[in-house]
């Protein structure tokens, strides 16, 4: 399950970085909550904030599974993306 979540998080990061046009963060958030609902304390936040001009769009996506390592990624360009993924202890995949 954690491998799937790690793969999903990486795919989400690259989709945002590459600026895929029809990326529906709301649908992805709902799907992720449904998939990991039985894993434990899961916090999924997706916020789109528009500041000033239309080209200054800030996308914020946070996925938290446990409290461990946080991997922030900032991409420069017309759109600035802040993605934080926290996955818990990956060595403890059985429990």
PDB file of N, CA and C in Angstrom:
ATOM      1  N   UNK A   1       0.828  -1.186   0.000  1.00  0.00           N
ATOM      2  CA  UNK A   1       0.000   0.000   0.000  1.00  0.00           C
ATOM      3  C   UNK A   1       0.877   1.254   0.000  1.00  0.00           C
ATOM      4  N   UNK A   2       1.929   1.250   0.804  1.00  0.00           N
ATOM      5  CA  UNK A   2       2.792   2.435   0.846  1.00  0.00           C
ATOM      6  C   UNK A   2       3.541   2.623  -0.463  1.00  0.00           C
ATOM      7  N   UNK A   3       3.897   1.504  -1.131  1.00  0.00           N
ATOM      8  CA  UNK A   3       4.546   1.631  -2.430  1.00  0.00           C
ATOM      9  C   UNK A   3       3.607   2.312  -3.417  1.00  0.00           C
ATOM     10  N   UNK A   4       2.320   1.917  -3.387  1.00  0.00           N
ATOM     11  CA  UNK A   4       1.332   2.556  -4.256  1.00  0.00           C
ATOM     12  C   UNK A   4       1.238   4.047  -3.958  1.00  0.00           C
ATOM     13  N   UNK A   5       1.189   4.393  -2.666  1.00  0.00           N
ATOM     14  CA  UNK A   5       1.073   5.800  -2.296  1.00  0.00           C
ATOM     15  C   UNK A   5       2.297   6.594  -2.714  1.00  0.00           C
ATOM     16  N   UNK A   6       3.481   5.992  -2.571  1.00  0.00           N
ATOM     17  CA  UNK A   6       4.700   6.666  -3.006  1.00  0.00           C
ATOM     18  C   UNK A   6       4.668   6.886  -4.509  1.00  0.00           C
ATOM     19  N   UNK A   7       4.251   5.861  -5.260  1.00  0.00           N
ATOM     20  CA  UNK A   7       4.139   5.985  -6.718  1.00  0.00           C
ATOM     21  C   UNK A   7       3.131   7.062  -7.086  1.00  0.00           C
ATOM     22  N   UNK A   8       1.987   7.082  -6.409  1.00  0.00           N
ATOM     23  CA  UNK A   8       0.955   8.082  -6.673  1.00  0.00           C
ATOM     24  C   UNK A   8       1.483   9.485  -6.397  1.00  0.00           C
ATOM     25  N   UNK A   9       2.183   9.648  -5.268  1.00  0.00           N
ATOM     26  CA  UNK A   9       2.712  10.964  -4.908  1.00  0.00           C
ATOM     27  C   UNK A   9       3.736  11.448  -5.927  1.00  0.00           C
ATOM     28  N   UNK A  10       4.612  10.558  -6.374  1.00  0.00           N
ATOM     29  CA  UNK A  10       5.617  10.929  -7.383  1.00  0.00           C
ATOM     30  C   UNK A  10       4.931  11.310  -8.685  1.00  0.00           C
ATOM     31  N   UNK A  11       3.925  10.531  -9.094  1.00  0.00           N
ATOM     32  CA  UNK A  11       3.187  10.850 -10.325  1.00  0.00           C
ATOM     33  C   UNK A  11       2.494  12.199 -10.200  1.00  0.00           C
ATOM     34  N   UNK A  12       1.932  12.487  -9.029  1.00  0.00           N
ATOM     35  CA  UNK A  12       1.264  13.763  -8.810  1.00  0.00           C
ATOM     36  C   UNK A  12       2.253  14.917  -8.901  1.00  0.00           C
ATOM     37  N   UNK A  13       3.431  14.746  -8.317  1.00  0.00           N
ATOM     38  CA  UNK A  13       4.460  15.789  -8.376  1.00  0.00           C
ATOM     39  C   UNK A  13       4.846  16.068  -9.820  1.00  0.00           C
ATOM     40  N   UNK A  14       5.107  15.009 -10.596  1.00  0.00           N
ATOM     41  CA  UNK A  14       5.523  15.221 -11.977  1.00  0.00           C
ATOM     42  C   UNK A  14       4.396  15.781 -12.830  1.00  0.00           C
ATOM     43  N   UNK A  15       3.162  15.406 -12.561  1.00  0.00           N
ATOM     44  CA  UNK A  15       2.038  15.963 -13.315  1.00  0.00           C
ATOM     45  C   UNK A  15       1.947  17.464 -13.088  1.00  0.00           C
ATOM     46  N   UNK A  16       2.150  17.895 -11.848  1.00  0.00           N
ATOM     47  CA  UNK A  16       2.094  19.325 -11.549  1.00  0.00           C
ATOM     48  C   UNK A  16       3.291  20.046 -12.147  1.00  0.00           C
ATOM     49  N   UNK A  17       4.478  19.442 -12.024  1.00  0.00           N
ATOM     50  CA  UNK A  17       5.687  20.065 -12.558  1.00  0.00           C
ATOM     51  C   UNK A  17       5.574  20.253 -14.065  1.00  0.00           C
ATOM     52  N   UNK A  18       5.055  19.257 -14.754  1.00  0.00           N
ATOM     53  CA  UNK A  18       4.946  19.322 -16.208  1.00  0.00           C
ATOM     54  C   UNK A  18       3.770  20.176 -16.662  1.00  0.00           C
ATOM     55  N   UNK A  19       2.957  20.628 -15.727  1.00  0.00           N
ATOM     56  CA  UNK A  19       1.867  21.530 -16.062  1.00  0.00           C
ATOM     57  C   UNK A  19       0.790  20.890 -16.902  1.00  0.00           C
ATOM     58  N   UNK A  20       0.426  19.656 -16.579  1.00  0.00           N
ATOM     59  CA  UNK A  20      -0.626  18.985 -17.344  1.00  0.00           C
ATOM     60  C   UNK A  20      -1.904  19.795 -17.238  1.00  0.00           C
ATOM     61  N   UNK A  21      -2.558  20.153 -18.309  1.00  0.00           N
ATOM     62  CA  UNK A  21      -3.750  20.989 -18.239  1.00  0.00           C
ATOM     63  C   UNK A  21      -4.942  20.363 -17.591  1.00  0.00           C
ATOM     64  N   UNK A  22      -5.538  19.632 -17.510  1.00  0.00           N
ATOM     65  CA  UNK A  22      -6.738  19.039 -16.939  1.00  0.00           C
ATOM     66  C   UNK A  22      -6.478  18.280 -15.634  1.00  0.00           C
ATOM     67  N   UNK A  23      -5.469  18.706 -14.888  1.00  0.00           N
ATOM     68  CA  UNK A  23      -5.179  18.033 -13.621  1.00  0.00           C
ATOM     69  C   UNK A  23      -6.219  18.475 -12.592  1.00  0.00           C
ATOM     70  N   UNK A  24      -7.052  17.555 -12.175  1.00  0.00           N
ATOM     71  CA  UNK A  24      -8.147  17.862 -11.263  1.00  0.00           C
ATOM     72  C   UNK A  24      -7.733  17.470  -9.849  1.00  0.00           C
ATOM     73  N   UNK A  25      -7.223  18.434  -9.086  1.00  0.00           N
ATOM     74  CA  UNK A  25      -6.719  18.164  -7.741  1.00  0.00           C
ATOM     75  C   UNK A  25      -7.848  17.691  -6.828  1.00  0.00           C
ATOM     76  N   UNK A  26      -9.045  18.233  -6.992  1.00  0.00           N
ATOM     77  CA  UNK A  26     -10.165  17.816  -6.150  1.00  0.00           C
ATOM     78  C   UNK A  26     -10.483  16.344  -6.317  1.00  0.00           C
ATOM     79  N   UNK A  27     -10.528  15.863  -7.553  1.00  0.00           N
ATOM     80  CA  UNK A  27     -10.804  14.444  -7.801  1.00  0.00           C
ATOM     81  C   UNK A  27      -9.685  13.569  -7.270  1.00  0.00           C
ATOM     82  N   UNK A  28      -8.435  14.002  -7.475  1.00  0.00           N
ATOM     83  CA  UNK A  28      -7.303  13.232  -6.972  1.00  0.00           C
ATOM     84  C   UNK A  28      -7.330  13.158  -5.453  1.00  0.00           C
ATOM     85  N   UNK A  29      -7.704  14.256  -4.812  1.00  0.00           N
ATOM     86  CA  UNK A  29      -7.778  14.269  -3.355  1.00  0.00           C
ATOM     87  C   UNK A  29      -8.827  13.287  -2.857  1.00  0.00           C
ATOM     88  N   UNK A  30     -10.009  13.305  -3.479  1.00  0.00           N
ATOM     89  CA  UNK A  30     -11.064  12.381  -3.080  1.00  0.00           C
ATOM     90  C   UNK A  30     -10.671  10.940  -3.304  1.00  0.00           C
ATOM     91  N   UNK A  31     -10.043  10.660  -4.434  1.00  0.00           N
ATOM     92  CA  UNK A  31      -9.612   9.293  -4.730  1.00  0.00           C
ATOM     93  C   UNK A  31      -8.570   8.830  -3.727  1.00  0.00           C
ATOM     94  N   UNK A  32      -7.629   9.708  -3.389  1.00  0.00           N
ATOM     95  CA  UNK A  32      -6.583   9.342  -2.438  1.00  0.00           C
ATOM     96  C   UNK A  32      -7.173   9.085  -1.057  1.00  0.00           C
ATOM     97  N   UNK A  33      -8.135   9.914  -0.639  1.00  0.00           N
ATOM     98  CA  UNK A  33      -8.763   9.702   0.660  1.00  0.00           C
ATOM     99  C   UNK A  33      -9.495   8.362   0.695  1.00  0.00           C
ATOM    100  N   UNK A  34     -10.151   7.992  -0.418  1.00  0.00           N
ATOM    101  CA  UNK A  34     -10.857   6.715  -0.466  1.00  0.00           C
ATOM    102  C   UNK A  34      -9.891   5.539  -0.420  1.00  0.00           C
ATOM    103  N   UNK A  35      -8.758   5.648  -1.099  1.00  0.00           N
ATOM    104  CA  UNK A  35      -7.796   4.548  -1.153  1.00  0.00           C
ATOM    105  C   UNK A  35      -7.145   4.324   0.196  1.00  0.00           C
ATOM    106  N   UNK A  36      -6.759   5.399   0.871  1.00  0.00           N
ATOM    107  CA  UNK A  36      -5.983   5.254   2.103  1.00  0.00           C
ATOM    108  C   UNK A  36      -6.809   5.467   3.359  1.00  0.00           C
ATOM    109  N   UNK A  37      -8.119   5.463   3.239  1.00  0.00           N
ATOM    110  CA  UNK A  37      -8.977   5.736   4.383  1.00  0.00           C
ATOM    111  C   UNK A  37      -8.773   4.793   5.543  1.00  0.00           C
ATOM    112  N   UNK A  38      -8.372   3.541   5.272  1.00  0.00           N
ATOM    113  CA  UNK A  38      -8.215   2.572   6.347  1.00  0.00           C
ATOM    114  C   UNK A  38      -6.773   2.443   6.828  1.00  0.00           C
ATOM    115  N   UNK A  39      -5.865   3.277   6.344  1.00  0.00           N
ATOM    116  CA  UNK A  39      -4.455   3.155   6.711  1.00  0.00           C
ATOM    117  C   UNK A  39      -4.186   3.771   8.079  1.00  0.00           C
ATOM    118  N   UNK A  40      -4.871   4.795   8.445  1.00  0.00           N
ATOM    119  CA  UNK A  40      -4.626   5.453   9.733  1.00  0.00           C
ATOM    120  C   UNK A  40      -4.905   6.932   9.599  1.00  0.00           C
ATOM    121  N   UNK A  41      -4.158   7.743  10.328  1.00  0.00           N
ATOM    122  CA  UNK A  41      -4.354   9.188  10.268  1.00  0.00           C
ATOM    123  C   UNK A  41      -3.817   9.713   8.952  1.00  0.00           C
ATOM    124  N   UNK A  42      -4.718  10.171   8.108  1.00  0.00           N
ATOM    125  CA  UNK A  42      -4.335  10.656   6.784  1.00  0.00           C
ATOM    126  C   UNK A  42      -4.882  12.059   6.624  1.00  0.00           C
ATOM    127  N   UNK A  43      -4.024  12.964   6.240  1.00  0.00           N
ATOM    128  CA  UNK A  43      -4.449  14.330   5.989  1.00  0.00           C
ATOM    129  C   UNK A  43      -4.118  14.661   4.549  1.00  0.00           C
ATOM    130  N   UNK A  44      -5.118  15.035   3.786  1.00  0.00           N
ATOM    131  CA  UNK A  44      -4.904  15.397   2.392  1.00  0.00           C
ATOM    132  C   UNK A  44      -5.485  16.788   2.190  1.00  0.00           C
ATOM    133  N   UNK A  45      -4.652  17.694   1.763  1.00  0.00           N
ATOM    134  CA  UNK A  45      -5.101  19.049   1.511  1.00  0.00           C
ATOM    135  C   UNK A  45      -4.703  19.444   0.102  1.00  0.00           C
ATOM    136  N   UNK A  46      -5.618  20.022  -0.625  1.00  0.00           N
ATOM    137  CA  UNK A  46      -5.311  20.540  -1.949  1.00  0.00           C
ATOM    138  C   UNK A  46      -5.905  21.935  -2.042  1.00  0.00           C
ATOM    139  N   UNK A  47      -5.073  22.915  -2.253  1.00  0.00           N
ATOM    140  CA  UNK A  47      -5.523  24.297  -2.260  1.00  0.00           C
ATOM    141  C   UNK A  47      -4.966  24.988  -3.498  1.00  0.00           C
ATOM    142  N   UNK A  48      -5.829  25.634  -4.246  1.00  0.00           N
ATOM    143  CA  UNK A  48      -5.386  26.476  -5.355  1.00  0.00           C
ATOM    144  C   UNK A  48      -5.609  27.927  -4.948  1.00  0.00           C
ATOM    145  N   UNK A  49      -4.544  28.715  -4.977  1.00  0.00           N
ATOM    146  CA  UNK A  49      -4.628  30.114  -4.584  1.00  0.00           C
ATOM    147  C   UNK A  49      -4.179  30.965  -5.762  1.00  0.00           C
ATOM    148  N   UNK A  50      -5.019  31.879  -6.192  1.00  0.00           N
ATOM    149  CA  UNK A  50      -4.647  32.785  -7.275  1.00  0.00           C
ATOM    150  C   UNK A  50      -4.291  34.132  -6.668  1.00  0.00           C
ATOM    151  N   UNK A  51      -3.090  34.606  -6.959  1.00  0.00           N
ATOM    152  CA  UNK A  51      -2.650  35.886  -6.419  1.00  0.00           C
ATOM    153  C   UNK A  51      -2.363  36.839  -7.562  1.00  0.00           C
ATOM    154  N   UNK A  52      -2.967  37.993  -7.520  1.00  0.00           N
ATOM    155  CA  UNK A  52      -2.697  39.011  -8.527  1.00  0.00           C
ATOM    156  C   UNK A  52      -3.112  38.575  -9.913  1.00  0.00           C
ATOM    157  N   UNK A  53      -2.169  38.554 -10.832  1.00  0.00           N
ATOM    158  CA  UNK A  53      -2.457  38.219 -12.222  1.00  0.00           C
ATOM    159  C   UNK A  53      -2.750  36.729 -12.364  1.00  0.00           C
ATOM    160  N   UNK A  54      -3.420  36.373 -13.425  1.00  0.00           N
ATOM    161  CA  UNK A  54      -3.831  34.979 -13.637  1.00  0.00           C
ATOM    162  C   UNK A  54      -2.640  34.042 -13.776  1.00  0.00           C
ATOM    163  N   UNK A  55      -1.511  34.544 -14.285  1.00  0.00           N
ATOM    164  CA  UNK A  55      -0.355  33.663 -14.469  1.00  0.00           C
ATOM    165  C   UNK A  55       0.352  33.341 -13.157  1.00  0.00           C
ATOM    166  N   UNK A  56       0.050  34.076 -12.097  1.00  0.00           N
ATOM    167  CA  UNK A  56       0.664  33.818 -10.791  1.00  0.00           C
ATOM    168  C   UNK A  56      -0.223  32.872  -9.990  1.00  0.00           C
ATOM    169  N   UNK A  57      -0.240  31.609 -10.398  1.00  0.00           N
ATOM    170  CA  UNK A  57      -1.065  30.609  -9.724  1.00  0.00           C
ATOM    171  C   UNK A  57      -0.178  29.781  -8.816  1.00  0.00           C
ATOM    172  N   UNK A  58      -0.587  29.614  -7.584  1.00  0.00           N
ATOM    173  CA  UNK A  58       0.171  28.806  -6.631  1.00  0.00           C
ATOM    174  C   UNK A  58      -0.643  27.560  -6.330  1.00  0.00           C
ATOM    175  N   UNK A  59      -0.069  26.391  -6.603  1.00  0.00           N
ATOM    176  CA  UNK A  59      -0.722  25.119  -6.301  1.00  0.00           C
ATOM    177  C   UNK A  59      -0.070  24.525  -5.066  1.00  0.00           C
ATOM    178  N   UNK A  60      -0.875  24.189  -4.078  1.00  0.00           N
ATOM    179  CA  UNK A  60      -0.355  23.597  -2.856  1.00  0.00           C
ATOM    180  C   UNK A  60      -1.019  22.245  -2.665  1.00  0.00           C
ATOM    181  N   UNK A  61      -0.206  21.194  -2.593  1.00  0.00           N
ATOM    182  CA  UNK A  61      -0.720  19.845  -2.372  1.00  0.00           C
ATOM    183  C   UNK A  61       0.053  19.246  -1.212  1.00  0.00           C
ATOM    184  N   UNK A  62      -0.640  18.766  -0.205  1.00  0.00           N
ATOM    185  CA  UNK A  62       0.014  18.154   0.947  1.00  0.00           C
ATOM    186  C   UNK A  62      -0.615  16.797   1.207  1.00  0.00           C
ATOM    187  N   UNK A  63       0.215  15.767   1.261  1.00  0.00           N
ATOM    188  CA  UNK A  63      -0.237  14.415   1.595  1.00  0.00           C
ATOM    189  C   UNK A  63       0.577  13.962   2.796  1.00  0.00           C
ATOM    190  N   UNK A  64      -0.081  13.577   3.876  1.00  0.00           N
ATOM    191  CA  UNK A  64       0.625  13.195   5.096  1.00  0.00           C
ATOM    192  C   UNK A  64       0.193  11.802   5.538  1.00  0.00           C
ATOM    193  N   UNK A  65       1.146  10.896   5.716  1.00  0.00           N
ATOM    194  CA  UNK A  65       0.896   9.550   6.241  1.00  0.00           C
ATOM    195  C   UNK A  65       1.902   9.299   7.359  1.00  0.00           C
ATOM    196  N   UNK A  66       1.547   9.609   8.581  1.00  0.00           N
ATOM    197  CA  UNK A  66       2.493   9.481   9.687  1.00  0.00           C
ATOM    198  C   UNK A  66       3.320  10.747   9.801  1.00  0.00           C
ATOM    199  N   UNK A  67       4.203  10.806  10.770  1.00  0.00           N
ATOM    200  CA  UNK A  67       5.037  12.001  10.883  1.00  0.00           C
ATOM    201  C   UNK A  67       6.499  11.618  10.749  1.00  0.00           C
ATOM    202  N   UNK A  68       6.998  11.762   9.536  1.00  0.00           N
ATOM    203  CA  UNK A  68       8.405  11.472   9.267  1.00  0.00           C
ATOM    204  C   UNK A  68       8.961  12.484   8.294  1.00  0.00           C
ATOM    205  N   UNK A  69       9.650  12.011   7.283  1.00  0.00           N
ATOM    206  CA  UNK A  69      10.405  12.883   6.388  1.00  0.00           C
ATOM    207  C   UNK A  69       9.487  13.667   5.458  1.00  0.00           C
ATOM    208  N   UNK A  70       9.766  14.936   5.290  1.00  0.00           N
ATOM    209  CA  UNK A  70       9.006  15.796   4.390  1.00  0.00           C
ATOM    210  C   UNK A  70       9.892  16.171   3.211  1.00  0.00           C
ATOM    211  N   UNK A  71       9.364  16.016   2.008  1.00  0.00           N
ATOM    212  CA  UNK A  71      10.143  16.293   0.801  1.00  0.00           C
ATOM    213  C   UNK A  71       9.507  17.450   0.035  1.00  0.00           C
ATOM    214  N   UNK A  72       9.938  18.698   0.279  1.00  0.00           N
ATOM    215  CA  UNK A  72       9.352  19.812  -0.466  1.00  0.00           C
ATOM    216  C   UNK A  72       9.981  19.951  -1.850  1.00  0.00           C
ATOM    217  N   UNK A  73       9.191  20.420  -2.794  1.00  0.00           N
ATOM    218  CA  UNK A  73       9.689  20.630  -4.147  1.00  0.00           C
ATOM    219  C   UNK A  73       9.123  21.942  -4.661  1.00  0.00           C
ATOM    220  N   UNK A  74       9.999  22.850  -5.062  1.00  0.00           N
ATOM    221  CA  UNK A  74       9.545  24.126  -5.609  1.00  0.00           C
ATOM    222  C   UNK A  74      10.020  24.232  -7.049  1.00  0.00           C
ATOM    223  N   UNK A  75       9.114  24.535  -7.937  1.00  0.00           N
ATOM    224  CA  UNK A  75       9.428  24.629  -9.358  1.00  0.00           C
ATOM    225  C   UNK A  75       9.184  26.066  -9.796  1.00  0.00           C
ATOM    226  N   UNK A  76      10.164  26.664 -10.436  1.00  0.00           N
ATOM    227  CA  UNK A  76      10.036  28.053 -10.874  1.00  0.00           C
ATOM    228  C   UNK A  76       9.449  28.111 -12.271  1.00  0.00           C
ATOM    229  N   UNK A  77       8.825  29.206 -12.598  1.00  0.00           N
ATOM    230  CA  UNK A  77       8.213  29.384 -13.907  1.00  0.00           C
ATOM    231  C   UNK A  77       6.969  30.230 -13.750  1.00  0.00           C
ATOM    232  N   UNK A  78       6.074  30.186 -14.746  1.00  0.00           N
ATOM    233  CA  UNK A  78       4.820  30.928 -14.667  1.00  0.00           C
ATOM    234  C   UNK A  78       3.958  30.441 -13.519  1.00  0.00           C
ATOM    235  N   UNK A  79       4.074  29.164 -13.188  1.00  0.00           N
ATOM    236  CA  UNK A  79       3.331  28.593 -12.067  1.00  0.00           C
ATOM    237  C   UNK A  79       4.323  28.085 -11.039  1.00  0.00           C
ATOM    238  N   UNK A  80       4.134  28.453  -9.787  1.00  0.00           N
ATOM    239  CA  UNK A  80       4.993  27.967  -8.715  1.00  0.00           C
ATOM    240  C   UNK A  80       4.257  26.865  -7.983  1.00  0.00           C
ATOM    241  N   UNK A  81       4.905  25.720  -7.837  1.00  0.00           N
ATOM    242  CA  UNK A  81       4.290  24.556  -7.208  1.00  0.00           C
ATOM    243  C   UNK A  81       5.007  24.231  -5.911  1.00  0.00           C
ATOM    244  N   UNK A  82       4.263  24.033  -4.850  1.00  0.00           N
ATOM    245  CA  UNK A  82       4.809  23.573  -3.584  1.00  0.00           C
ATOM    246  C   UNK A  82       4.166  22.226  -3.285  1.00  0.00           C
ATOM    247  N   UNK A  83       4.961  21.169  -3.272  1.00  0.00           N
ATOM    248  CA  UNK A  83       4.433  19.829  -3.039  1.00  0.00           C
ATOM    249  C   UNK A  83       5.169  19.229  -1.855  1.00  0.00           C
ATOM    250  N   UNK A  84       4.443  18.817  -0.840  1.00  0.00           N
ATOM    251  CA  UNK A  84       5.040  18.171   0.321  1.00  0.00           C
ATOM    252  C   UNK A  84       4.429  16.792   0.466  1.00  0.00           C
ATOM    253  N   UNK A  85       5.272  15.770   0.527  1.00  0.00           N
ATOM    254  CA  UNK A  85       4.802  14.395   0.669  1.00  0.00           C
ATOM    255  C   UNK A  85       5.468  13.801   1.899  1.00  0.00           C
ATOM    256  N   UNK A  86       4.679  13.291   2.826  1.00  0.00           N
ATOM    257  CA  UNK A  86       5.205  12.639   4.019  1.00  0.00           C
ATOM    258  C   UNK A  86       4.654  11.225   4.061  1.00  0.00           C
ATOM    259  N   UNK A  87       5.531  10.229   4.085  1.00  0.00           N
ATOM    260  CA  UNK A  87       5.091   8.854   3.914  1.00  0.00           C
ATOM    261  C   UNK A  87       5.314   7.948   5.111  1.00  0.00           C
ATOM    262  N   UNK A  88       5.785   8.400   6.203  1.00  0.00           N
ATOM    263  CA  UNK A  88       6.014   7.512   7.330  1.00  0.00           C
ATOM    264  C   UNK A  88       7.256   6.671   7.116  1.00  0.00           C
ATOM    265  N   UNK A  89       7.434   5.656   7.930  1.00  0.00           N
ATOM    266  CA  UNK A  89       8.618   4.803   7.868  1.00  0.00           C
ATOM    267  C   UNK A  89       8.431   3.754   6.791  1.00  0.00           C
ATOM    268  N   UNK A  90       9.130   3.898   5.668  1.00  0.00           N
ATOM    269  CA  UNK A  90       8.959   2.981   4.547  1.00  0.00           C
ATOM    270  C   UNK A  90       9.537   1.606   4.835  1.00  0.00           C
ATOM    271  N   UNK A  91      10.398   1.482   5.845  1.00  0.00           N
ATOM    272  CA  UNK A  91      10.954   0.167   6.170  1.00  0.00           C
ATOM    273  C   UNK A  91       9.958  -0.684   6.951  1.00  0.00           C
ATOM    274  N   UNK A  92       8.901  -0.072   7.473  1.00  0.00           N
ATOM    275  CA  UNK A  92       7.906  -0.795   8.251  1.00  0.00           C
ATOM    276  C   UNK A  92       6.641  -0.985   7.422  1.00  0.00           C
ATOM    277  N   UNK A  93       6.769  -1.630   6.287  1.00  0.00           N
ATOM    278  CA  UNK A  93       5.644  -1.770   5.368  1.00  0.00           C
ATOM    279  C   UNK A  93       4.619  -2.784   5.853  1.00  0.00           C
ATOM    280  N   UNK A  94       4.974  -3.637   6.809  1.00  0.00           N
ATOM    281  CA  UNK A  94       4.042  -4.670   7.258  1.00  0.00           C
ATOM    282  C   UNK A  94       3.183  -4.232   8.430  1.00  0.00           C
ATOM    283  N   UNK A  95       3.566  -3.202   9.115  1.00  0.00           N
ATOM    284  CA  UNK A  95       2.788  -2.890  10.301  1.00  0.00           C
ATOM    285  C   UNK A  95       2.600  -1.462  10.527  1.00  0.00           C
TER     286      UNK A  95
END
